[in-house]
Amino acid sequence: MRVVVEILTGTLFYIQVGNDATVADLKKEIEAQQKLPRDRLILFLSNKRRHLINEEGDGATLVDCGVQDGSHIYLFFGPVDHHDESTDDHLVFTWPHSFLEQA
């Protein structure tokens, strides 16, 4: 299947994966094609439900997550993990209200 992925900057690109591909497979393809760290990728499916793909876990198939050929996926980035638990820095990630409204 071929999906379109959109980054917050508005950049669109296409990813081709097998029909039985998992979330992890999609992240690997994005990492290989766009040179983005897969451990920070947050994927959000644009459909009537508009849901977070990662909720199902990286082992879930894309089909089980509602992804179909031609689906539009929004790509966000999680915070950098500094592996330093002594810091009290926190990152708050919020979705734009307009993004969550029903289409």
Foldseek 3Di string as FASTA:
>chain_A
DKEWEAEPVRDIDIFDDDQFAFLLNVLVRCCVPVVDDSVFKWKWWDDQQGGTQCVVPRGHGVVVSVDDVHTYIYIDTHDDDPVDPVDPDDDDDDDPPVSRDGD
